[in-house]
Amino acid sequence: MTDKELLYIEDALGHEQYFQTKCQETAQSLSDMELKRCVEDLQSRHAQIYRQLYSLL
């Protein structure tokens, strides 16, 4: 893996962590259960993407 590819993956990992955090914060503030479940699903998807990217390292 080149240095540039490694930097891209590190950057993508950071973005996925940010998205997970924002989804968690948003889900906690929602009272509509359907919308809350949707945001929690997004958080779960970003966690999965993070794990997949991390496995490349």
PDB file of N, CA and C in Angstrom:
ATOM      1  N   MET A   1       0.847  -1.171   0.000  1.00  0.00           N
ATOM      2  CA  MET A   1       0.000   0.000   0.000  1.00  0.00           C
ATOM      3  C   MET A   1       0.894   1.236   0.000  1.00  0.00           C
ATOM      4  N   THR A   2       0.585   2.173  -0.852  1.00  0.00           N
ATOM      5  CA  THR A   2       1.404   3.383  -0.936  1.00  0.00           C
ATOM      6  C   THR A   2       1.082   4.322   0.226  1.00  0.00           C
ATOM      7  N   ASP A   3       1.974   5.277   0.439  1.00  0.00           N
ATOM      8  CA  ASP A   3       1.741   6.276   1.488  1.00  0.00           C
ATOM      9  C   ASP A   3       0.454   7.047   1.223  1.00  0.00           C
ATOM     10  N   LYS A   4       0.213   7.386  -0.036  1.00  0.00           N
ATOM     11  CA  LYS A   4      -0.984   8.140  -0.395  1.00  0.00           C
ATOM     12  C   LYS A   4      -2.251   7.331  -0.108  1.00  0.00           C
ATOM     13  N   GLU A   5      -2.225   6.050  -0.407  1.00  0.00           N
ATOM     14  CA  GLU A   5      -3.378   5.194  -0.129  1.00  0.00           C
ATOM     15  C   GLU A   5      -3.609   5.070   1.375  1.00  0.00           C
ATOM     16  N   LEU A   6      -2.541   4.959   2.124  1.00  0.00           N
ATOM     17  CA  LEU A   6      -2.645   4.879   3.579  1.00  0.00           C
ATOM     18  C   LEU A   6      -3.250   6.160   4.150  1.00  0.00           C
ATOM     19  N   LEU A   7      -2.822   7.303   3.653  1.00  0.00           N
ATOM     20  CA  LEU A   7      -3.387   8.578   4.108  1.00  0.00           C
ATOM     21  C   LEU A   7      -4.872   8.671   3.783  1.00  0.00           C
ATOM     22  N   TYR A   8      -5.261   8.167   2.612  1.00  0.00           N
ATOM     23  CA  TYR A   8      -6.664   8.178   2.232  1.00  0.00           C
ATOM     24  C   TYR A   8      -7.475   7.331   3.214  1.00  0.00           C
ATOM     25  N   ILE A   9      -6.981   6.155   3.541  1.00  0.00           N
ATOM     26  CA  ILE A   9      -7.708   5.273   4.460  1.00  0.00           C
ATOM     27  C   ILE A   9      -7.790   5.897   5.847  1.00  0.00           C
ATOM     28  N   GLU A  10      -6.706   6.499   6.308  1.00  0.00           N
ATOM     29  CA  GLU A  10      -6.727   7.170   7.615  1.00  0.00           C
ATOM     30  C   GLU A  10      -7.744   8.301   7.630  1.00  0.00           C
ATOM     31  N   ASP A  11      -7.807   9.060   6.547  1.00  0.00           N
ATOM     32  CA  ASP A  11      -8.771  10.149   6.428  1.00  0.00           C
ATOM     33  C   ASP A  11     -10.196   9.602   6.426  1.00  0.00           C
ATOM     34  N   ALA A  12     -10.411   8.541   5.687  1.00  0.00           N
ATOM     35  CA  ALA A  12     -11.737   7.927   5.625  1.00  0.00           C
ATOM     36  C   ALA A  12     -12.144   7.379   6.987  1.00  0.00           C
ATOM     37  N   LEU A  13     -11.207   6.798   7.737  1.00  0.00           N
ATOM     38  CA  LEU A  13     -11.499   6.315   9.090  1.00  0.00           C
ATOM     39  C   LEU A  13     -11.965   7.463   9.985  1.00  0.00           C
ATOM     40  N   GLY A  14     -11.289   8.582   9.879  1.00  0.00           N
ATOM     41  CA  GLY A  14     -11.666   9.757  10.662  1.00  0.00           C
ATOM     42  C   GLY A  14     -13.068  10.240  10.325  1.00  0.00           C
ATOM     43  N   HIS A  15     -13.399  10.230   9.042  1.00  0.00           N
ATOM     44  CA  HIS A  15     -14.739  10.643   8.623  1.00  0.00           C
ATOM     45  C   HIS A  15     -15.795   9.682   9.163  1.00  0.00           C
ATOM     46  N   GLU A  16     -15.521   8.403   9.093  1.00  0.00           N
ATOM     47  CA  GLU A  16     -16.484   7.422   9.584  1.00  0.00           C
ATOM     48  C   GLU A  16     -16.685   7.550  11.088  1.00  0.00           C
ATOM     49  N   GLN A  17     -15.630   7.826  11.833  1.00  0.00           N
ATOM     50  CA  GLN A  17     -15.771   8.044  13.279  1.00  0.00           C
ATOM     51  C   GLN A  17     -16.628   9.285  13.544  1.00  0.00           C
ATOM     52  N   TYR A  18     -16.402  10.329  12.770  1.00  0.00           N
ATOM     53  CA  TYR A  18     -17.180  11.561  12.919  1.00  0.00           C
ATOM     54  C   TYR A  18     -18.664  11.286  12.644  1.00  0.00           C
ATOM     55  N   PHE A  19     -18.948  10.568  11.553  1.00  0.00           N
ATOM     56  CA  PHE A  19     -20.335  10.261  11.214  1.00  0.00           C
ATOM     57  C   PHE A  19     -20.997   9.421  12.298  1.00  0.00           C
ATOM     58  N   GLN A  20     -20.262   8.478  12.868  1.00  0.00           N
ATOM     59  CA  GLN A  20     -20.807   7.655  13.948  1.00  0.00           C
ATOM     60  C   GLN A  20     -21.174   8.528  15.148  1.00  0.00           C
ATOM     61  N   THR A  21     -20.271   9.423  15.502  1.00  0.00           N
ATOM     62  CA  THR A  21     -20.501  10.311  16.641  1.00  0.00           C
ATOM     63  C   THR A  21     -21.712  11.200  16.413  1.00  0.00           C
ATOM     64  N   LYS A  22     -21.805  11.785  15.229  1.00  0.00           N
ATOM     65  CA  LYS A  22     -22.929  12.677  14.924  1.00  0.00           C
ATOM     66  C   LYS A  22     -24.244  11.916  14.897  1.00  0.00           C
ATOM     67  N   CYS A  23     -24.228  10.702  14.355  1.00  0.00           N
ATOM     68  CA  CYS A  23     -25.450   9.891  14.342  1.00  0.00           C
ATOM     69  C   CYS A  23     -25.878   9.553  15.768  1.00  0.00           C
ATOM     70  N   GLN A  24     -24.924   9.210  16.620  1.00  0.00           N
ATOM     71  CA  GLN A  24     -25.238   8.880  18.004  1.00  0.00           C
ATOM     72  C   GLN A  24     -25.828  10.096  18.723  1.00  0.00           C
ATOM     73  N   GLU A  25     -25.205  11.245  18.555  1.00  0.00           N
ATOM     74  CA  GLU A  25     -25.707  12.468  19.189  1.00  0.00           C
ATOM     75  C   GLU A  25     -27.107  12.798  18.698  1.00  0.00           C
ATOM     76  N   THR A  26     -27.315  12.668  17.400  1.00  0.00           N
ATOM     77  CA  THR A  26     -28.616  12.982  16.817  1.00  0.00           C
ATOM     78  C   THR A  26     -29.678  12.010  17.302  1.00  0.00           C
ATOM     79  N   ALA A  27     -29.358  10.722  17.317  1.00  0.00           N
ATOM     80  CA  ALA A  27     -30.318   9.708  17.756  1.00  0.00           C
ATOM     81  C   ALA A  27     -30.760   9.957  19.199  1.00  0.00           C
ATOM     82  N   GLN A  28     -29.830  10.373  20.032  1.00  0.00           N
ATOM     83  CA  GLN A  28     -30.153  10.625  21.440  1.00  0.00           C
ATOM     84  C   GLN A  28     -31.109  11.805  21.598  1.00  0.00           C
ATOM     85  N   SER A  29     -31.084  12.720  20.647  1.00  0.00           N
ATOM     86  CA  SER A  29     -31.918  13.915  20.772  1.00  0.00           C
ATOM     87  C   SER A  29     -33.291  13.768  20.106  1.00  0.00           C
ATOM     88  N   LEU A  30     -33.521  12.657  19.424  1.00  0.00           N
ATOM     89  CA  LEU A  30     -34.780  12.478  18.705  1.00  0.00           C
ATOM     90  C   LEU A  30     -35.834  11.805  19.575  1.00  0.00           C
ATOM     91  N   SER A  31     -37.073  12.260  19.440  1.00  0.00           N
ATOM     92  CA  SER A  31     -38.177  11.626  20.162  1.00  0.00           C
ATOM     93  C   SER A  31     -39.017  10.756  19.225  1.00  0.00           C
ATOM     94  N   ASP A  32     -38.972  11.018  17.940  1.00  0.00           N
ATOM     95  CA  ASP A  32     -39.690  10.194  16.956  1.00  0.00           C
ATOM     96  C   ASP A  32     -38.943   8.870  16.808  1.00  0.00           C
ATOM     97  N   MET A  33     -39.575   7.784  17.233  1.00  0.00           N
ATOM     98  CA  MET A  33     -38.898   6.491  17.273  1.00  0.00           C
ATOM     99  C   MET A  33     -38.522   5.965  15.887  1.00  0.00           C
ATOM    100  N   GLU A  34     -39.328   6.213  14.889  1.00  0.00           N
ATOM    101  CA  GLU A  34     -39.012   5.751  13.538  1.00  0.00           C
ATOM    102  C   GLU A  34     -37.769   6.468  13.001  1.00  0.00           C
ATOM    103  N   LEU A  35     -37.724   7.762  13.194  1.00  0.00           N
ATOM    104  CA  LEU A  35     -36.568   8.538  12.757  1.00  0.00           C
ATOM    105  C   LEU A  35     -35.328   8.152  13.564  1.00  0.00           C
ATOM    106  N   LYS A  36     -35.520   7.936  14.860  1.00  0.00           N
ATOM    107  CA  LYS A  36     -34.416   7.536  15.726  1.00  0.00           C
ATOM    108  C   LYS A  36     -33.823   6.209  15.248  1.00  0.00           C
ATOM    109  N   ARG A  37     -34.681   5.240  14.916  1.00  0.00           N
ATOM    110  CA  ARG A  37     -34.216   3.948  14.409  1.00  0.00           C
ATOM    111  C   ARG A  37     -33.450   4.111  13.103  1.00  0.00           C
ATOM    112  N   CYS A  38     -33.920   4.988  12.243  1.00  0.00           N
ATOM    113  CA  CYS A  38     -33.245   5.253  10.975  1.00  0.00           C
ATOM    114  C   CYS A  38     -31.838   5.792  11.211  1.00  0.00           C
ATOM    115  N   VAL A  39     -31.691   6.735  12.117  1.00  0.00           N
ATOM    116  CA  VAL A  39     -30.387   7.321  12.422  1.00  0.00           C
ATOM    117  C   VAL A  39     -29.487   6.288  13.099  1.00  0.00           C
ATOM    118  N   GLU A  40     -30.060   5.454  13.948  1.00  0.00           N
ATOM    119  CA  GLU A  40     -29.273   4.397  14.579  1.00  0.00           C
ATOM    120  C   GLU A  40     -28.779   3.390  13.537  1.00  0.00           C
ATOM    121  N   ASP A  41     -29.609   3.125  12.542  1.00  0.00           N
ATOM    122  CA  ASP A  41     -29.180   2.249  11.444  1.00  0.00           C
ATOM    123  C   ASP A  41     -28.016   2.877  10.675  1.00  0.00           C
ATOM    124  N   LEU A  42     -28.080   4.184  10.468  1.00  0.00           N
ATOM    125  CA  LEU A  42     -26.972   4.883   9.809  1.00  0.00           C
ATOM    126  C   LEU A  42     -25.696   4.781  10.640  1.00  0.00           C
ATOM    127  N   GLN A  43     -25.836   4.924  11.946  1.00  0.00           N
ATOM    128  CA  GLN A  43     -24.676   4.805  12.828  1.00  0.00           C
ATOM    129  C   GLN A  43     -24.074   3.406  12.714  1.00  0.00           C
ATOM    130  N   SER A  44     -24.919   2.415  12.699  1.00  0.00           N
ATOM    131  CA  SER A  44     -24.457   1.039  12.563  1.00  0.00           C
ATOM    132  C   SER A  44     -23.739   0.825  11.238  1.00  0.00           C
ATOM    133  N   ARG A  45     -24.275   1.400  10.181  1.00  0.00           N
ATOM    134  CA  ARG A  45     -23.649   1.260   8.852  1.00  0.00           C
ATOM    135  C   ARG A  45     -22.277   1.925   8.832  1.00  0.00           C
ATOM    136  N   HIS A  46     -22.156   3.098   9.444  1.00  0.00           N
ATOM    137  CA  HIS A  46     -20.860   3.776   9.487  1.00  0.00           C
ATOM    138  C   HIS A  46     -19.859   2.988  10.339  1.00  0.00           C
ATOM    139  N   ALA A  47     -20.328   2.328  11.384  1.00  0.00           N
ATOM    140  CA  ALA A  47     -19.448   1.482  12.192  1.00  0.00           C
ATOM    141  C   ALA A  47     -18.946   0.304  11.363  1.00  0.00           C
ATOM    142  N   GLN A  48     -19.823  -0.245  10.554  1.00  0.00           N
ATOM    143  CA  GLN A  48     -19.433  -1.360   9.683  1.00  0.00           C
ATOM    144  C   GLN A  48     -18.394  -0.905   8.654  1.00  0.00           C
ATOM    145  N   ILE A  49     -18.620   0.240   8.061  1.00  0.00           N
ATOM    146  CA  ILE A  49     -17.665   0.779   7.083  1.00  0.00           C
ATOM    147  C   ILE A  49     -16.319   1.034   7.755  1.00  0.00           C
ATOM    148  N   TYR A  50     -16.348   1.576   8.979  1.00  0.00           N
ATOM    149  CA  TYR A  50     -15.116   1.824   9.727  1.00  0.00           C
ATOM    150  C   TYR A  50     -14.339   0.520   9.912  1.00  0.00           C
ATOM    151  N   ARG A  51     -15.042  -0.535  10.345  1.00  0.00           N
ATOM    152  CA  ARG A  51     -14.377  -1.823  10.560  1.00  0.00           C
ATOM    153  C   ARG A  51     -13.782  -2.375   9.262  1.00  0.00           C
ATOM    154  N   GLN A  52     -14.494  -2.196   8.154  1.00  0.00           N
ATOM    155  CA  GLN A  52     -13.995  -2.670   6.874  1.00  0.00           C
ATOM    156  C   GLN A  52     -12.746  -1.900   6.456  1.00  0.00           C
ATOM    157  N   LEU A  53     -12.765  -0.608   6.625  1.00  0.00           N
ATOM    158  CA  LEU A  53     -11.587   0.198   6.288  1.00  0.00           C
ATOM    159  C   LEU A  53     -10.412  -0.160   7.193  1.00  0.00           C
ATOM    160  N   TYR A  54     -10.712  -0.320   8.482  1.00  0.00           N
ATOM    161  CA  TYR A  54      -9.657  -0.640   9.446  1.00  0.00           C
ATOM    162  C   TYR A  54      -8.985  -1.973   9.100  1.00  0.00           C
ATOM    163  N   SER A  55      -9.780  -2.904   8.597  1.00  0.00           N
ATOM    164  CA  SER A  55      -9.236  -4.221   8.252  1.00  0.00           C
ATOM    165  C   SER A  55      -8.243  -4.126   7.100  1.00  0.00           C
ATOM    166  N   LEU A  56      -8.300  -3.054   6.317  1.00  0.00           N
ATOM    167  CA  LEU A  56      -7.349  -2.866   5.229  1.00  0.00           C
ATOM    168  C   LEU A  56      -5.949  -2.539   5.754  1.00  0.00           C
ATOM    169  N   LEU A  57      -5.896  -2.033   6.965  1.00  0.00           N
ATOM    170  CA  LEU A  57      -4.611  -1.684   7.545  1.00  0.00           C
ATOM    171  C   LEU A  57      -3.979  -2.928   8.080  1.00  0.00           C
TER     172      LEU A  57
END
